[in-house]
PDB file of N, CA and C in Angstrom:
ATOM      1  N   MET A   1     148.602  53.725 100.456  1.00  0.00           N
ATOM      2  CA  MET A   1     147.289  54.343 100.330  1.00  0.00           C
ATOM      3  C   MET A   1     147.476  55.812  99.982  1.00  0.00           C
ATOM      4  N   THR A   2     146.620  56.339  99.178  1.00  0.00           N
ATOM      5  CA  THR A   2     146.738  57.735  98.773  1.00  0.00           C
ATOM      6  C   THR A   2     146.383  58.658  99.924  1.00  0.00           C
ATOM      7  N   GLY A   3     146.949  59.865  99.899  1.00  0.00           N
ATOM      8  CA  GLY A   3     146.637  60.834 100.930  1.00  0.00           C
ATOM      9  C   GLY A   3     145.222  61.373 100.832  1.00  0.00           C
ATOM     10  N   GLU A   4     144.586  61.199  99.682  1.00  0.00           N
ATOM     11  CA  GLU A   4     143.248  61.737  99.472  1.00  0.00           C
ATOM     12  C   GLU A   4     142.155  60.829 100.011  1.00  0.00           C
ATOM     13  N   LEU A   5     142.485  59.621 100.373  1.00  0.00           N
ATOM     14  CA  LEU A   5     141.474  58.667 100.807  1.00  0.00           C
ATOM     15  C   LEU A   5     140.985  59.006 102.210  1.00  0.00           C
ATOM     16  N   PRO A   6     139.671  59.041 102.420  1.00  0.00           N
ATOM     17  CA  PRO A   6     139.144  59.315 103.759  1.00  0.00           C
ATOM     18  C   PRO A   6     139.597  58.252 104.755  1.00  0.00           C
ATOM     19  N   SER A   7     139.586  58.612 105.992  1.00  0.00           N
ATOM     20  CA  SER A   7     140.090  57.701 107.016  1.00  0.00           C
ATOM     21  C   SER A   7     139.012  56.788 107.582  1.00  0.00           C
ATOM     22  N   THR A   8     137.846  56.721 106.954  1.00  0.00           N
ATOM     23  CA  THR A   8     136.801  55.845 107.481  1.00  0.00           C
ATOM     24  C   THR A   8     137.160  54.390 107.198  1.00  0.00           C
ATOM     25  N   PRO A   9     136.922  53.509 108.141  1.00  0.00           N
ATOM     26  CA  PRO A   9     137.275  52.092 107.961  1.00  0.00           C
ATOM     27  C   PRO A   9     136.631  51.451 106.736  1.00  0.00           C
ATOM     28  N   ARG A  10     135.401  51.781 106.450  1.00  0.00           N
ATOM     29  CA  ARG A  10     134.699  51.180 105.311  1.00  0.00           C
ATOM     30  C   ARG A  10     135.366  51.551 103.985  1.00  0.00           C
ATOM     31  N   LEU A  11     135.717  52.816 103.825  1.00  0.00           N
ATOM     32  CA  LEU A  11     136.356  53.251 102.584  1.00  0.00           C
ATOM     33  C   LEU A  11     137.791  52.752 102.481  1.00  0.00           C
ATOM     34  N   GLN A  12     138.480  52.630 103.608  1.00  0.00           N
ATOM     35  CA  GLN A  12     139.821  52.042 103.594  1.00  0.00           C
ATOM     36  C   GLN A  12     139.752  50.585 103.142  1.00  0.00           C
ATOM     37  N   ARG A  13     138.758  49.867 103.632  1.00  0.00           N
ATOM     38  CA  ARG A  13     138.586  48.465 103.232  1.00  0.00           C
ATOM     39  C   ARG A  13     138.255  48.373 101.751  1.00  0.00           C
ATOM     40  N   GLU A  14     137.419  49.267 101.265  1.00  0.00           N
ATOM     41  CA  GLU A  14     137.075  49.295  99.836  1.00  0.00           C
ATOM     42  C   GLU A  14     138.329  49.550  98.998  1.00  0.00           C
ATOM     43  N   TYR A  15     139.180  50.454  99.472  1.00  0.00           N
ATOM     44  CA  TYR A  15     140.435  50.750  98.775  1.00  0.00           C
ATOM     45  C   TYR A  15     141.333  49.519  98.747  1.00  0.00           C
ATOM     46  N   ARG A  16     141.477  48.847  99.893  1.00  0.00           N
ATOM     47  CA  ARG A  16     142.316  47.643  99.947  1.00  0.00           C
ATOM     48  C   ARG A  16     141.780  46.550  99.026  1.00  0.00           C
ATOM     49  N   THR A  17     140.456  46.464  98.901  1.00  0.00           N
ATOM     50  CA  THR A  17     139.860  45.456  98.028  1.00  0.00           C
ATOM     51  C   THR A  17     140.193  45.734  96.569  1.00  0.00           C
ATOM     52  N   ILE A  18     140.025  46.959  96.113  1.00  0.00           N
ATOM     53  CA  ILE A  18     140.347  47.272  94.716  1.00  0.00           C
ATOM     54  C   ILE A  18     141.851  47.147  94.485  1.00  0.00           C
ATOM     55  N   GLU A  19     142.646  47.471  95.493  1.00  0.00           N
ATOM     56  CA  GLU A  19     144.097  47.316  95.372  1.00  0.00           C
ATOM     57  C   GLU A  19     144.458  45.841  95.200  1.00  0.00           C
ATOM     58  N   SER A  20     143.848  44.962  95.986  1.00  0.00           N
ATOM     59  CA  SER A  20     144.099  43.525  95.861  1.00  0.00           C
ATOM     60  C   SER A  20     143.669  43.008  94.494  1.00  0.00           C
ATOM     61  N   MET A  21     142.506  43.471  94.032  1.00  0.00           N
ATOM     62  CA  MET A  21     142.029  43.051  92.710  1.00  0.00           C
ATOM     63  C   MET A  21     142.987  43.516  91.610  1.00  0.00           C
ATOM     64  N   LEU A  22     143.471  44.740  91.726  1.00  0.00           N
ATOM     65  CA  LEU A  22     144.412  45.251  90.729  1.00  0.00           C
ATOM     66  C   LEU A  22     145.730  44.487  90.768  1.00  0.00           C
ATOM     67  N   ARG A  23     146.182  44.081  91.945  1.00  0.00           N
ATOM     68  CA  ARG A  23     147.421  43.300  92.044  1.00  0.00           C
ATOM     69  C   ARG A  23     147.263  41.949  91.344  1.00  0.00           C
ATOM     70  N   ILE A  24     146.117  41.308  91.536  1.00  0.00           N
ATOM     71  CA  ILE A  24     145.849  40.035  90.859  1.00  0.00           C
ATOM     72  C   ILE A  24     145.848  40.247  89.349  1.00  0.00           C
ATOM     73  N   TRP A  25     145.098  41.232  88.891  1.00  0.00           N
ATOM     74  CA  TRP A  25     144.985  41.545  87.468  1.00  0.00           C
ATOM     75  C   TRP A  25     146.356  41.856  86.873  1.00  0.00           C
ATOM     76  N   CYS A  26     147.086  42.736  87.537  1.00  0.00           N
ATOM     77  CA  CYS A  26     148.364  43.201  87.014  1.00  0.00           C
ATOM     78  C   CYS A  26     149.395  42.069  86.974  1.00  0.00           C
ATOM     79  N   ALA A  27     149.436  41.251  88.015  1.00  0.00           N
ATOM     80  CA  ALA A  27     150.380  40.130  88.036  1.00  0.00           C
ATOM     81  C   ALA A  27     150.087  39.150  86.904  1.00  0.00           C
ATOM     82  N   ASP A  28     148.820  38.855  86.687  1.00  0.00           N
ATOM     83  CA  ASP A  28     148.440  37.870  85.675  1.00  0.00           C
ATOM     84  C   ASP A  28     148.423  38.441  84.262  1.00  0.00           C
ATOM     85  N   ARG A  29     148.054  39.690  84.104  1.00  0.00           N
ATOM     86  CA  ARG A  29     147.899  40.273  82.767  1.00  0.00           C
ATOM     87  C   ARG A  29     149.089  41.118  82.325  1.00  0.00           C
ATOM     88  N   HIS A  30     149.747  41.777  83.267  1.00  0.00           N
ATOM     89  CA  HIS A  30     150.829  42.696  82.901  1.00  0.00           C
ATOM     90  C   HIS A  30     152.194  42.212  83.378  1.00  0.00           C
ATOM     91  N   GLY A  31     152.234  41.079  84.052  1.00  0.00           N
ATOM     92  CA  GLY A  31     153.502  40.525  84.514  1.00  0.00           C
ATOM     93  C   GLY A  31     154.209  41.378  85.546  1.00  0.00           C
ATOM     94  N   ALA A  32     153.462  41.972  86.444  1.00  0.00           N
ATOM     95  CA  ALA A  32     154.039  42.886  87.439  1.00  0.00           C
ATOM     96  C   ALA A  32     154.460  42.169  88.716  1.00  0.00           C
ATOM     97  N   VAL A  33     154.684  40.855  88.651  1.00  0.00           N
ATOM     98  CA  VAL A  33     154.993  40.074  89.850  1.00  0.00           C
ATOM     99  C   VAL A  33     156.268  40.547  90.530  1.00  0.00           C
ATOM    100  N   GLY A  34     157.313  40.850  89.768  1.00  0.00           N
ATOM    101  CA  GLY A  34     158.598  41.204  90.355  1.00  0.00           C
ATOM    102  C   GLY A  34     158.705  42.625  90.875  1.00  0.00           C
ATOM    103  N   ARG A  35     157.744  43.446  90.619  1.00  0.00           N
ATOM    104  CA  ARG A  35     157.805  44.847  91.048  1.00  0.00           C
ATOM    105  C   ARG A  35     157.597  44.958  92.548  1.00  0.00           C
ATOM    106  N   SER A  36     158.263  45.920  93.147  1.00  0.00           N
ATOM    107  CA  SER A  36     158.191  46.057  94.606  1.00  0.00           C
ATOM    108  C   SER A  36     156.776  46.336  95.095  1.00  0.00           C
ATOM    109  N   ASP A  37     155.999  47.130  94.344  1.00  0.00           N
ATOM    110  CA  ASP A  37     154.635  47.441  94.770  1.00  0.00           C
ATOM    111  C   ASP A  37     153.606  46.536  94.111  1.00  0.00           C
ATOM    112  N   GLY A  38     154.035  45.694  93.158  1.00  0.00           N
ATOM    113  CA  GLY A  38     153.134  44.737  92.527  1.00  0.00           C
ATOM    114  C   GLY A  38     152.229  45.300  91.458  1.00  0.00           C
ATOM    115  N   LEU A  39     152.441  46.563  91.048  1.00  0.00           N
ATOM    116  CA  LEU A  39     151.583  47.185  90.039  1.00  0.00           C
ATOM    117  C   LEU A  39     152.420  47.889  88.971  1.00  0.00           C
ATOM    118  N   CYS A  40     151.997  47.749  87.718  1.00  0.00           N
ATOM    119  CA  CYS A  40     152.624  48.502  86.632  1.00  0.00           C
ATOM    120  C   CYS A  40     152.126  49.952  86.704  1.00  0.00           C
ATOM    121  N   ALA A  41     152.689  50.804  85.874  1.00  0.00           N
ATOM    122  CA  ALA A  41     152.318  52.228  85.893  1.00  0.00           C
ATOM    123  C   ALA A  41     150.836  52.428  85.583  1.00  0.00           C
ATOM    124  N   GLU A  42     150.308  51.679  84.616  1.00  0.00           N
ATOM    125  CA  GLU A  42     148.893  51.814  84.245  1.00  0.00           C
ATOM    126  C   GLU A  42     147.981  51.440  85.414  1.00  0.00           C
ATOM    127  N   CYS A  43     148.320  50.353  86.097  1.00  0.00           N
ATOM    128  CA  CYS A  43     147.492  49.912  87.225  1.00  0.00           C
ATOM    129  C   CYS A  43     147.661  50.824  88.438  1.00  0.00           C
ATOM    130  N   GLN A  44     148.862  51.373  88.634  1.00  0.00           N
ATOM    131  CA  GLN A  44     149.064  52.359  89.702  1.00  0.00           C
ATOM    132  C   GLN A  44     148.180  53.577  89.467  1.00  0.00           C
ATOM    133  N   GLU A  45     148.113  53.996  88.214  1.00  0.00           N
ATOM    134  CA  GLU A  45     147.286  55.151  87.861  1.00  0.00           C
ATOM    135  C   GLU A  45     145.802  54.859  88.111  1.00  0.00           C
ATOM    136  N   LEU A  46     145.359  53.657  87.750  1.00  0.00           N
ATOM    137  CA  LEU A  46     143.962  53.283  87.971  1.00  0.00           C
ATOM    138  C   LEU A  46     143.653  53.197  89.467  1.00  0.00           C
ATOM    139  N   LEU A  47     144.596  52.686  90.264  1.00  0.00           N
ATOM    140  CA  LEU A  47     144.402  52.622  91.712  1.00  0.00           C
ATOM    141  C   LEU A  47     144.325  54.028  92.310  1.00  0.00           C
ATOM    142  N   ALA A  48     145.180  54.920  91.859  1.00  0.00           N
ATOM    143  CA  ALA A  48     145.138  56.306  92.350  1.00  0.00           C
ATOM    144  C   ALA A  48     143.801  56.951  91.987  1.00  0.00           C
ATOM    145  N   TYR A  49     143.316  56.688  90.782  1.00  0.00           N
ATOM    146  CA  TYR A  49     142.019  57.214  90.346  1.00  0.00           C
ATOM    147  C   TYR A  49     140.907  56.673  91.247  1.00  0.00           C
ATOM    148  N   ALA A  50     140.944  55.365  91.512  1.00  0.00           N
ATOM    149  CA  ALA A  50     139.933  54.753  92.385  1.00  0.00           C
ATOM    150  C   ALA A  50     139.976  55.379  93.779  1.00  0.00           C
ATOM    151  N   GLY A  51     141.178  55.642  94.284  1.00  0.00           N
ATOM    152  CA  GLY A  51     141.313  56.284  95.591  1.00  0.00           C
ATOM    153  C   GLY A  51     140.705  57.676  95.614  1.00  0.00           C
ATOM    154  N   ARG A  52     140.932  58.427  94.546  1.00  0.00           N
ATOM    155  CA  ARG A  52     140.347  59.782  94.464  1.00  0.00           C
ATOM    156  C   ARG A  52     138.827  59.717  94.404  1.00  0.00           C
ATOM    157  N   ARG A  53     138.289  58.761  93.674  1.00  0.00           N
ATOM    158  CA  ARG A  53     136.837  58.619  93.574  1.00  0.00           C
ATOM    159  C   ARG A  53     136.251  58.187  94.922  1.00  0.00           C
ATOM    160  N   LEU A  54     136.927  57.288  95.622  1.00  0.00           N
ATOM    161  CA  LEU A  54     136.457  56.881  96.951  1.00  0.00           C
ATOM    162  C   LEU A  54     136.436  58.070  97.904  1.00  0.00           C
ATOM    163  N   ALA A  55     137.452  58.919  97.796  1.00  0.00           N
ATOM    164  CA  ALA A  55     137.537  60.084  98.683  1.00  0.00           C
ATOM    165  C   ALA A  55     136.349  61.024  98.496  1.00  0.00           C
ATOM    166  N   LYS A  56     135.740  61.000  97.319  1.00  0.00           N
ATOM    167  CA  LYS A  56     134.618  61.894  97.026  1.00  0.00           C
ATOM    168  C   LYS A  56     133.279  61.177  97.025  1.00  0.00           C
ATOM    169  N   CYS A  57     133.235  59.951  97.492  1.00  0.00           N
ATOM    170  CA  CYS A  57     132.006  59.158  97.457  1.00  0.00           C
ATOM    171  C   CYS A  57     130.910  59.825  98.295  1.00  0.00           C
ATOM    172  N   PRO A  58     129.733  60.092  97.695  1.00  0.00           N
ATOM    173  CA  PRO A  58     128.652  60.733  98.451  1.00  0.00           C
ATOM    174  C   PRO A  58     128.057  59.831  99.528  1.00  0.00           C
ATOM    175  N   TYR A  59     128.321  58.533  99.456  1.00  0.00           N
ATOM    176  CA  TYR A  59     127.784  57.599 100.444  1.00  0.00           C
ATOM    177  C   TYR A  59     128.648  57.512 101.696  1.00  0.00           C
ATOM    178  N   GLY A  60     129.926  57.817 101.571  1.00  0.00           N
ATOM    179  CA  GLY A  60     130.813  57.729 102.722  1.00  0.00           C
ATOM    180  C   GLY A  60     130.831  56.338 103.315  1.00  0.00           C
ATOM    181  N   GLU A  61     130.627  56.259 104.603  1.00  0.00           N
ATOM    182  CA  GLU A  61     130.680  54.987 105.329  1.00  0.00           C
ATOM    183  C   GLU A  61     129.583  54.015 104.880  1.00  0.00           C
ATOM    184  N   GLN A  62     128.527  54.504 104.288  1.00  0.00           N
ATOM    185  CA  GLN A  62     127.414  53.651 103.830  1.00  0.00           C
ATOM    186  C   GLN A  62     127.567  53.240 102.363  1.00  0.00           C
ATOM    187  N   LYS A  63     128.753  53.363 101.804  1.00  0.00           N
ATOM    188  CA  LYS A  63     128.987  53.086 100.387  1.00  0.00           C
ATOM    189  C   LYS A  63     128.572  51.666 100.011  1.00  0.00           C
ATOM    190  N   PRO A  64     127.767  51.532  98.948  1.00  0.00           N
ATOM    191  CA  PRO A  64     127.437  50.195  98.436  1.00  0.00           C
ATOM    192  C   PRO A  64     128.574  49.702  97.536  1.00  0.00           C
ATOM    193  N   THR A  65     128.498  48.462  97.109  1.00  0.00           N
ATOM    194  CA  THR A  65     129.482  47.982  96.143  1.00  0.00           C
ATOM    195  C   THR A  65     129.261  48.717  94.824  1.00  0.00           C
ATOM    196  N   CYS A  66     130.305  48.790  94.023  1.00  0.00           N
ATOM    197  CA  CYS A  66     130.218  49.526  92.752  1.00  0.00           C
ATOM    198  C   CYS A  66     129.115  48.974  91.856  1.00  0.00           C
ATOM    199  N   ALA A  67     128.947  47.661  91.845  1.00  0.00           N
ATOM    200  CA  ALA A  67     127.945  47.042  90.975  1.00  0.00           C
ATOM    201  C   ALA A  67     126.523  47.473  91.342  1.00  0.00           C
ATOM    202  N   LYS A  68     126.277  47.795  92.608  1.00  0.00           N
ATOM    203  CA  LYS A  68     124.934  48.176  93.056  1.00  0.00           C
ATOM    204  C   LYS A  68     124.742  49.684  93.173  1.00  0.00           C
ATOM    205  N   CYS A  69     125.798  50.432  92.960  1.00  0.00           N
ATOM    206  CA  CYS A  69     125.729  51.880  93.175  1.00  0.00           C
ATOM    207  C   CYS A  69     124.990  52.579  92.037  1.00  0.00           C
ATOM    208  N   PRO A  70     124.008  53.442  92.363  1.00  0.00           N
ATOM    209  CA  PRO A  70     123.287  54.177  91.319  1.00  0.00           C
ATOM    210  C   PRO A  70     124.076  55.381  90.782  1.00  0.00           C
ATOM    211  N   VAL A  71     125.144  55.770  91.468  1.00  0.00           N
ATOM    212  CA  VAL A  71     125.950  56.910  91.051  1.00  0.00           C
ATOM    213  C   VAL A  71     127.154  56.393  90.259  1.00  0.00           C
ATOM    214  N   HIS A  72     127.299  56.849  89.027  1.00  0.00           N
ATOM    215  CA  HIS A  72     128.451  56.453  88.216  1.00  0.00           C
ATOM    216  C   HIS A  72     129.535  57.505  88.385  1.00  0.00           C
ATOM    217  N   CYS A  73     130.440  57.269  89.321  1.00  0.00           N
ATOM    218  CA  CYS A  73     131.445  58.282  89.640  1.00  0.00           C
ATOM    219  C   CYS A  73     132.709  58.136  88.793  1.00  0.00           C
ATOM    220  N   TYR A  74     132.877  57.003  88.115  1.00  0.00           N
ATOM    221  CA  TYR A  74     134.045  56.813  87.258  1.00  0.00           C
ATOM    222  C   TYR A  74     133.730  57.324  85.855  1.00  0.00           C
ATOM    223  N   LYS A  75     134.743  57.862  85.191  1.00  0.00           N
ATOM    224  CA  LYS A  75     134.609  58.193  83.774  1.00  0.00           C
ATOM    225  C   LYS A  75     134.444  56.880  83.010  1.00  0.00           C
ATOM    226  N   ARG A  76     133.880  56.966  81.827  1.00  0.00           N
ATOM    227  CA  ARG A  76     133.554  55.762  81.053  1.00  0.00           C
ATOM    228  C   ARG A  76     134.768  54.838  80.858  1.00  0.00           C
ATOM    229  N   ALA A  77     135.911  55.381  80.475  1.00  0.00           N
ATOM    230  CA  ALA A  77     137.099  54.560  80.207  1.00  0.00           C
ATOM    231  C   ALA A  77     137.563  53.834  81.469  1.00  0.00           C
ATOM    232  N   GLN A  78     137.636  54.555  82.597  1.00  0.00           N
ATOM    233  CA  GLN A  78     138.069  53.935  83.848  1.00  0.00           C
ATOM    234  C   GLN A  78     137.030  52.949  84.356  1.00  0.00           C
ATOM    235  N   ARG A  79     135.755  53.241  84.144  1.00  0.00           N
ATOM    236  CA  ARG A  79     134.695  52.320  84.565  1.00  0.00           C
ATOM    237  C   ARG A  79     134.839  50.989  83.827  1.00  0.00           C
ATOM    238  N   GLU A  80     135.148  51.050  82.544  1.00  0.00           N
ATOM    239  CA  GLU A  80     135.337  49.828  81.756  1.00  0.00           C
ATOM    240  C   GLU A  80     136.582  49.072  82.218  1.00  0.00           C
ATOM    241  N   GLN A  81     137.663  49.801  82.513  1.00  0.00           N
ATOM    242  CA  GLN A  81     138.878  49.156  83.014  1.00  0.00           C
ATOM    243  C   GLN A  81     138.600  48.435  84.329  1.00  0.00           C
ATOM    244  N   VAL A  82     137.946  49.119  85.252  1.00  0.00           N
ATOM    245  CA  VAL A  82     137.664  48.533  86.564  1.00  0.00           C
ATOM    246  C   VAL A  82     136.700  47.360  86.430  1.00  0.00           C
ATOM    247  N   ARG A  83     135.746  47.460  85.519  1.00  0.00           N
ATOM    248  CA  ARG A  83     134.822  46.350  85.290  1.00  0.00           C
ATOM    249  C   ARG A  83     135.591  45.103  84.840  1.00  0.00           C
ATOM    250  N   GLN A  84     136.537  45.273  83.919  1.00  0.00           N
ATOM    251  CA  GLN A  84     137.346  44.148  83.456  1.00  0.00           C
ATOM    252  C   GLN A  84     138.175  43.562  84.596  1.00  0.00           C
ATOM    253  N   VAL A  85     138.780  44.440  85.395  1.00  0.00           N
ATOM    254  CA  VAL A  85     139.586  43.986  86.533  1.00  0.00           C
ATOM    255  C   VAL A  85     138.722  43.188  87.502  1.00  0.00           C
ATOM    256  N   MET A  86     137.538  43.713  87.829  1.00  0.00           N
ATOM    257  CA  MET A  86     136.665  43.044  88.796  1.00  0.00           C
ATOM    258  C   MET A  86     136.143  41.709  88.265  1.00  0.00           C
ATOM    259  N   CYS A  87     135.801  41.659  86.978  1.00  0.00           N
ATOM    260  CA  CYS A  87     135.323  40.392  86.401  1.00  0.00           C
ATOM    261  C   CYS A  87     136.414  39.331  86.440  1.00  0.00           C
ATOM    262  N   TYR A  88     137.648  39.738  86.211  1.00  0.00           N
ATOM    263  CA  TYR A  88     138.761  38.793  86.219  1.00  0.00           C
ATOM    264  C   TYR A  88     139.185  38.432  87.645  1.00  0.00           C
ATOM    265  N   ALA A  89     139.411  39.458  88.458  1.00  0.00           N
ATOM    266  CA  ALA A  89     139.994  39.239  89.780  1.00  0.00           C
ATOM    267  C   ALA A  89     138.971  38.834  90.833  1.00  0.00           C
ATOM    268  N   GLY A  90     137.704  39.201  90.640  1.00  0.00           N
ATOM    269  CA  GLY A  90     136.680  38.891  91.638  1.00  0.00           C
ATOM    270  C   GLY A  90     136.641  37.433  92.049  1.00  0.00           C
ATOM    271  N   PRO A  91     136.491  36.499  91.104  1.00  0.00           N
ATOM    272  CA  PRO A  91     136.470  35.081  91.482  1.00  0.00           C
ATOM    273  C   PRO A  91     137.787  34.615  92.114  1.00  0.00           C
ATOM    274  N   ARG A  92     138.904  35.171  91.695  1.00  0.00           N
ATOM    275  CA  ARG A  92     140.212  34.781  92.234  1.00  0.00           C
ATOM    276  C   ARG A  92     140.431  35.307  93.649  1.00  0.00           C
ATOM    277  N   MET A  93     139.676  36.341  94.017  1.00  0.00           N
ATOM    278  CA  MET A  93     139.772  36.882  95.378  1.00  0.00           C
ATOM    279  C   MET A  93     139.391  35.827  96.409  1.00  0.00           C
ATOM    280  N   LEU A  94     138.473  34.943  96.066  1.00  0.00           N
ATOM    281  CA  LEU A  94     138.058  33.895  97.011  1.00  0.00           C
ATOM    282  C   LEU A  94     139.236  33.053  97.467  1.00  0.00           C
ATOM    283  N   TRP A  95     140.196  32.815  96.584  1.00  0.00           N
ATOM    284  CA  TRP A  95     141.352  31.983  96.918  1.00  0.00           C
ATOM    285  C   TRP A  95     142.509  32.795  97.466  1.00  0.00           C
ATOM    286  N   ARG A  96     142.712  33.982  96.952  1.00  0.00           N
ATOM    287  CA  ARG A  96     143.890  34.762  97.333  1.00  0.00           C
ATOM    288  C   ARG A  96     143.653  35.689  98.523  1.00  0.00           C
ATOM    289  N   HIS A  97     142.438  36.178  98.654  1.00  0.00           N
ATOM    290  CA  HIS A  97     142.080  37.091  99.753  1.00  0.00           C
ATOM    291  C   HIS A  97     140.671  36.745 100.235  1.00  0.00           C
ATOM    292  N   PRO A  98     140.500  35.581 100.864  1.00  0.00           N
ATOM    293  CA  PRO A  98     139.142  35.124 101.205  1.00  0.00           C
ATOM    294  C   PRO A  98     138.376  36.063 102.133  1.00  0.00           C
ATOM    295  N   TRP A  99     139.049  36.693 103.104  1.00  0.00           N
ATOM    296  CA  TRP A  99     138.324  37.582 104.027  1.00  0.00           C
ATOM    297  C   TRP A  99     137.829  38.831 103.316  1.00  0.00           C
ATOM    298  N   GLN A 100     138.676  39.394 102.477  1.00  0.00           N
ATOM    299  CA  GLN A 100     138.239  40.562 101.704  1.00  0.00           C
ATOM    300  C   GLN A 100     137.074  40.194 100.796  1.00  0.00           C
ATOM    301  N   ALA A 101     137.159  39.020 100.176  1.00  0.00           N
ATOM    302  CA  ALA A 101     136.077  38.578  99.287  1.00  0.00           C
ATOM    303  C   ALA A 101     134.780  38.396 100.066  1.00  0.00           C
ATOM    304  N   LEU A 102     134.871  37.800 101.249  1.00  0.00           N
ATOM    305  CA  LEU A 102     133.681  37.584 102.075  1.00  0.00           C
ATOM    306  C   LEU A 102     133.057  38.919 102.487  1.00  0.00           C
ATOM    307  N   LEU A 103     133.876  39.840 102.948  1.00  0.00           N
ATOM    308  CA  LEU A 103     133.358  41.153 103.352  1.00  0.00           C
ATOM    309  C   LEU A 103     132.743  41.891 102.161  1.00  0.00           C
ATOM    310  N   HIS A 104     133.351  41.741 100.990  1.00  0.00           N
ATOM    311  CA  HIS A 104     132.798  42.379  99.789  1.00  0.00           C
ATOM    312  C   HIS A 104     131.431  41.782  99.455  1.00  0.00           C
ATOM    313  N   MET A 105     131.303  40.469  99.602  1.00  0.00           N
ATOM    314  CA  MET A 105     130.003  39.826  99.348  1.00  0.00           C
ATOM    315  C   MET A 105     128.952  40.302 100.347  1.00  0.00           C
ATOM    316  N   LEU A 106     129.354  40.479 101.600  1.00  0.00           N
ATOM    317  CA  LEU A 106     128.419  40.996 102.604  1.00  0.00           C
ATOM    318  C   LEU A 106     128.023  42.436 102.285  1.00  0.00           C
ATOM    319  N   ASP A 107     128.968  43.210 101.772  1.00  0.00           N
ATOM    320  CA  ASP A 107     128.660  44.592 101.379  1.00  0.00           C
ATOM    321  C   ASP A 107     127.608  44.636 100.277  1.00  0.00           C
ATOM    322  N   LYS A 108     127.565  43.610  99.437  1.00  0.00           N
ATOM    323  CA  LYS A 108     126.565  43.560  98.363  1.00  0.00           C
ATOM    324  C   LYS A 108     125.145  43.486  98.916  1.00  0.00           C
ATOM    325  N   LEU A 109     125.009  43.059 100.165  1.00  0.00           N
ATOM    326  CA  LEU A 109     123.688  42.941 100.781  1.00  0.00           C
ATOM    327  C   LEU A 109     123.164  44.278 101.309  1.00  0.00           C
ATOM    328  N   ARG A 110     124.018  45.296 101.325  1.00  0.00           N
ATOM    329  CA  ARG A 110     123.595  46.616 101.814  1.00  0.00           C
ATOM    330  C   ARG A 110     122.447  47.158 100.975  1.00  0.00           C
ATOM    331  N   ARG A 111     121.521  47.788 101.640  1.00  0.00           N
ATOM    332  CA  ARG A 111     120.430  48.462 100.946  1.00  0.00           C
ATOM    333  C   ARG A 111     120.987  49.754 100.351  1.00  0.00           C
ATOM    334  N   VAL A 112     120.678  50.006  99.108  1.00  0.00           N
ATOM    335  CA  VAL A 112     121.212  51.180  98.418  1.00  0.00           C
ATOM    336  C   VAL A 112     120.115  52.219  98.250  1.00  0.00           C
ATOM    337  N   GLU A 113     120.406  53.427  98.710  1.00  0.00           N
ATOM    338  CA  GLU A 113     119.485  54.543  98.535  1.00  0.00           C
ATOM    339  C   GLU A 113     120.243  55.644  97.796  1.00  0.00           C
ATOM    340  N   HIS A 114     119.645  56.189  96.772  1.00  0.00           N
ATOM    341  CA  HIS A 114     120.298  57.243  96.000  1.00  0.00           C
ATOM    342  C   HIS A 114     120.575  58.432  96.922  1.00  0.00           C
ATOM    343  N   PRO A 115     121.740  59.083  96.784  1.00  0.00           N
ATOM    344  CA  PRO A 115     122.081  60.211  97.667  1.00  0.00           C
ATOM    345  C   PRO A 115     121.038  61.326  97.681  1.00  0.00           C
ATOM    346  N   LEU A 116     120.414  61.607  96.548  1.00  0.00           N
ATOM    347  CA  LEU A 116     119.388  62.661  96.526  1.00  0.00           C
ATOM    348  C   LEU A 116     118.170  62.261  97.347  1.00  0.00           C
ATOM    349  N   ALA A 117     117.778  61.003  97.289  1.00  0.00           N
ATOM    350  CA  ALA A 117     116.651  60.521  98.092  1.00  0.00           C
ATOM    351  C   ALA A 117     116.991  60.608  99.580  1.00  0.00           C
ATOM    352  N   ARG A 118     118.235  60.296  99.925  1.00  0.00           N
ATOM    353  CA  ARG A 118     118.673  60.413 101.324  1.00  0.00           C
ATOM    354  C   ARG A 118     118.570  61.851 101.793  1.00  0.00           C
ATOM    355  N   ARG A 119     119.031  62.789 100.944  1.00  0.00           N
ATOM    356  CA  ARG A 119     118.973  64.207 101.298  1.00  0.00           C
ATOM    357  C   ARG A 119     117.541  64.673 101.499  1.00  0.00           C
ATOM    358  N   ARG A 120     116.654  64.255 100.594  1.00  0.00           N
ATOM    359  CA  ARG A 120     115.237  64.642 100.709  1.00  0.00           C
ATOM    360  C   ARG A 120     114.629  64.104 101.994  1.00  0.00           C
ATOM    361  N   ARG A 121     114.941  62.848 102.311  1.00  0.00           N
ATOM    362  CA  ARG A 121     114.390  62.224 103.517  1.00  0.00           C
ATOM    363  C   ARG A 121     114.877  62.970 104.760  1.00  0.00           C
ATOM    364  N   LYS A 122     116.160  63.311 104.805  1.00  0.00           N
ATOM    365  CA  LYS A 122     116.707  64.045 105.949  1.00  0.00           C
ATOM    366  C   LYS A 122     116.083  65.431 106.056  1.00  0.00           C
ATOM    367  N   HIS A 123     115.877  66.069 104.903  1.00  0.00           N
ATOM    368  CA  HIS A 123     115.285  67.411 104.885  1.00  0.00           C
ATOM    369  C   HIS A 123     113.854  67.380 105.433  1.00  0.00           C
ATOM    370  N   ARG A 124     113.084  66.371 105.037  1.00  0.00           N
ATOM    371  CA  ARG A 124     111.698  66.245 105.507  1.00  0.00           C
ATOM    372  C   ARG A 124     111.621  65.981 107.004  1.00  0.00           C
ATOM    373  N   SER A 125     112.592  65.226 107.523  1.00  0.00           N
ATOM    374  CA  SER A 125     112.550  64.893 108.947  1.00  0.00           C
ATOM    375  C   SER A 125     113.108  66.022 109.813  1.00  0.00           C
ATOM    376  N   GLY A 126     113.691  67.044 109.167  1.00  0.00           N
ATOM    377  CA  GLY A 126     114.160  68.204 109.920  1.00  0.00           C
ATOM    378  C   GLY A 126     115.552  68.058 110.489  1.00  0.00           C
ATOM    379  N   HIS A 127     116.320  67.082 110.032  1.00  0.00           N
ATOM    380  CA  HIS A 127     117.691  66.895 110.528  1.00  0.00           C
ATOM    381  C   HIS A 127     118.693  67.508 109.639  1.00  0.00           C
TER     382      HIS A 127
END
């Protein structure tokens, strides 16, 4: 795990989920099965990028899944890469990492509120 990742359990779980998805993608698409960490250089770089973005997530512990998030925190190129990884690895997660897949599906049920709306609501209530 990167040193930049917050220590909150929710964000750590999100990091482990994207890491598992990248391992599936990389093993099947880049042949990284024999590598000690299971990721090629390109996928390691994408995982590090995802970790940095998680560390700066305005939602923190209340982070929604990427598909439901109104904030586009990834640059266009990385967003497209991660979208491809998730489309490929997402269904395979059910077989290879069923608990992570189940928790990710439950996370999709979270109500999403834009960070600015949250700030306004807190400001109005005086907190």
